[in-house]
Amino acid sequence: QVQLVESGGGLVQAGGSLRLSCAASGRTFSLYATGWFRQAPGKEREFVAGISWSGAHTYVADSVKGRFTISSDNGANTVYLQMNSLKSEDTALYYCATNPWNGVPPTTIGGYDTWGQGTQVTVSS
């Protein structure tokens, strides 16, 4: 059984940076796509970024493009989300998710079958 554990969230001032980690256990990230999503209070969960198992394909939502970067370390079974120039509207619970798919990472919730518990990111203005 695959398990995902997110870490790295916290409280940061606007303009600051955080790096989130998504560590997998039970299997490796090989041949799996991994995505980051976020959900703010009262809002729907939305796609943030995704990466293919090889790292050859990455996709970042327009709302965070130029500020967020997704990367992976398959040897460490970990996917990262580097978040720079954070804004108050980035405040949300951030989740990572995986799916056995070795193509372009899905951008929808239904494209992933395993989810972590989330890590809270709070940006103060």
Protein backbone atom coordinates (compact mmCIF):
# COMPACT_ATOMS: atom_id res chain seq x y z
CA GLN A 1 0.00 0.00 0.00
CA VAL A 2 1.42 3.34 -1.07
CA GLN A 3 1.56 6.13 1.45
CA LEU A 4 2.37 9.79 0.83
CA VAL A 5 3.52 12.20 3.51
CA GLU A 6 3.75 15.92 2.89
CA SER A 7 5.97 18.22 4.92
CA GLY A 8 7.46 21.68 4.79
CA GLY A 9 4.39 23.81 5.32
CA GLY A 10 4.22 26.63 7.80
CA LEU A 11 3.65 30.31 8.36
CA VAL A 12 5.55 32.72 6.14
CA GLN A 13 5.32 36.40 5.30
CA ALA A 14 4.22 37.55 1.88
CA GLY A 15 7.16 37.51 -0.50
CA GLY A 16 8.81 34.64 1.33
CA SER A 17 9.54 31.07 0.25
CA LEU A 18 8.78 27.55 1.33
CA ARG A 19 9.70 24.15 -0.05
CA LEU A 20 7.18 21.38 0.33
CA SER A 21 8.19 17.72 0.22
CA CYS A 22 6.11 14.68 -0.68
CA ALA A 23 7.70 11.43 0.44
CA ALA A 24 6.41 8.09 -0.78
CA SER A 25 6.66 4.77 0.96
CA GLY A 26 5.47 1.36 -0.08
CA ARG A 27 6.82 1.80 -3.61
CA THR A 28 8.99 4.17 -5.57
CA PHE A 29 7.88 7.06 -7.68
CA SER A 30 9.11 5.33 -10.81
CA LEU A 31 6.47 5.10 -13.52
CA TYR A 32 4.11 7.30 -11.52
CA ALA A 33 3.00 10.85 -12.12
CA THR A 34 2.84 13.09 -9.06
CA GLY A 35 0.86 16.23 -8.58
CA TRP A 36 0.42 18.98 -6.02
CA PHE A 37 -3.01 20.38 -5.26
CA ARG A 38 -4.25 22.94 -2.78
CA GLN A 39 -7.50 23.76 -1.07
CA ALA A 40 -8.29 27.03 0.62
CA PRO A 41 -11.17 27.34 3.11
CA GLY A 42 -14.48 27.50 1.30
CA LYS A 43 -12.91 26.77 -2.07
CA GLU A 44 -12.54 23.71 -4.25
CA ARG A 45 -9.32 21.76 -4.41
CA GLU A 46 -7.25 23.00 -7.33
CA PHE A 47 -4.29 21.72 -9.29
CA VAL A 48 -0.99 23.47 -8.64
CA ALA A 49 1.75 21.48 -10.37
CA GLY A 50 2.56 18.02 -11.72
CA ILE A 51 5.57 16.02 -12.80
CA SER A 52 6.02 12.80 -14.73
CA TRP A 53 8.02 9.94 -13.29
CA SER A 54 11.02 10.76 -15.45
CA GLY A 55 10.84 14.46 -14.72
CA ALA A 56 10.67 15.10 -18.45
CA HIS A 57 7.17 16.51 -18.21
CA THR A 58 6.22 19.20 -15.74
CA TYR A 59 3.19 21.42 -15.64
CA VAL A 60 2.46 24.38 -13.41
CA ALA A 61 -0.87 26.15 -13.07
CA ASP A 62 -1.06 29.66 -14.49
CA SER A 63 -1.85 31.05 -11.05
CA VAL A 64 1.59 30.06 -9.75
CA LYS A 65 3.66 30.02 -12.92
CA GLY A 66 6.97 31.80 -12.50
CA ARG A 67 6.78 31.46 -8.70
CA PHE A 68 6.40 27.71 -8.05
CA THR A 69 8.63 24.92 -9.34
CA ILE A 70 8.08 21.17 -9.10
CA SER A 71 10.95 18.69 -9.06
CA SER A 72 11.62 15.11 -8.09
CA ASP A 73 14.31 12.92 -6.61
CA ASN A 74 13.35 9.38 -7.53
CA GLY A 75 16.25 7.96 -5.55
CA ALA A 76 14.76 9.55 -2.45
CA ASN A 77 11.16 8.79 -3.50
CA THR A 78 10.39 12.46 -2.94
CA VAL A 79 8.75 15.20 -5.00
CA TYR A 80 9.28 18.83 -4.09
CA LEU A 81 7.31 22.02 -4.60
CA GLN A 82 9.47 25.12 -4.34
CA MET A 83 7.28 28.12 -3.67
CA ASN A 84 8.75 31.61 -4.03
CA SER A 85 7.24 35.09 -3.87
CA LEU A 86 4.37 33.76 -1.82
CA LYS A 87 1.13 35.71 -1.69
CA SER A 88 -1.72 35.70 0.80
CA GLU A 89 -3.87 33.96 -1.81
CA ASP A 90 -1.47 31.00 -1.72
CA THR A 91 -2.73 30.20 1.78
CA ALA A 92 -4.20 26.70 1.65
CA LEU A 93 -3.81 23.09 2.63
CA TYR A 94 -1.43 21.57 0.11
CA TYR A 95 -1.76 17.92 -0.93
CA CYS A 96 0.37 15.68 -3.07
CA ALA A 97 -1.04 12.79 -5.06
CA THR A 98 0.24 10.06 -7.35
CA ASN A 99 -1.04 7.87 -10.15
CA PRO A 100 0.52 5.00 -12.11
CA TRP A 101 0.95 7.00 -15.31
CA ASN A 102 4.20 7.65 -17.13
CA GLY A 103 3.03 10.41 -19.46
CA VAL A 104 2.15 14.04 -19.03
CA PRO A 105 0.98 14.51 -15.44
CA PRO A 106 -2.79 14.83 -15.04
CA THR A 107 -4.18 18.18 -13.93
CA THR A 108 -7.45 16.96 -12.45
CA ILE A 109 -8.31 15.43 -9.09
CA GLY A 110 -9.64 12.34 -10.84
CA GLY A 111 -6.29 11.78 -12.48
CA TYR A 112 -4.76 10.64 -9.18
CA ASP A 113 -5.60 7.68 -7.01
CA THR A 114 -3.40 8.09 -3.93
CA TRP A 115 -3.35 11.19 -1.74
CA GLY A 116 -1.43 12.44 1.24
CA GLN A 117 -2.96 14.11 4.30
CA GLY A 118 -1.80 17.59 3.38
CA THR A 119 0.43 20.28 4.85
CA GLN A 120 -0.80 23.75 5.76
CA VAL A 121 0.72 26.83 4.16
CA THR A 122 -0.24 30.19 5.63
CA VAL A 123 1.01 33.41 4.08
CA SER A 124 0.62 36.55 6.13
CA SER A 125 0.30 39.90 4.40
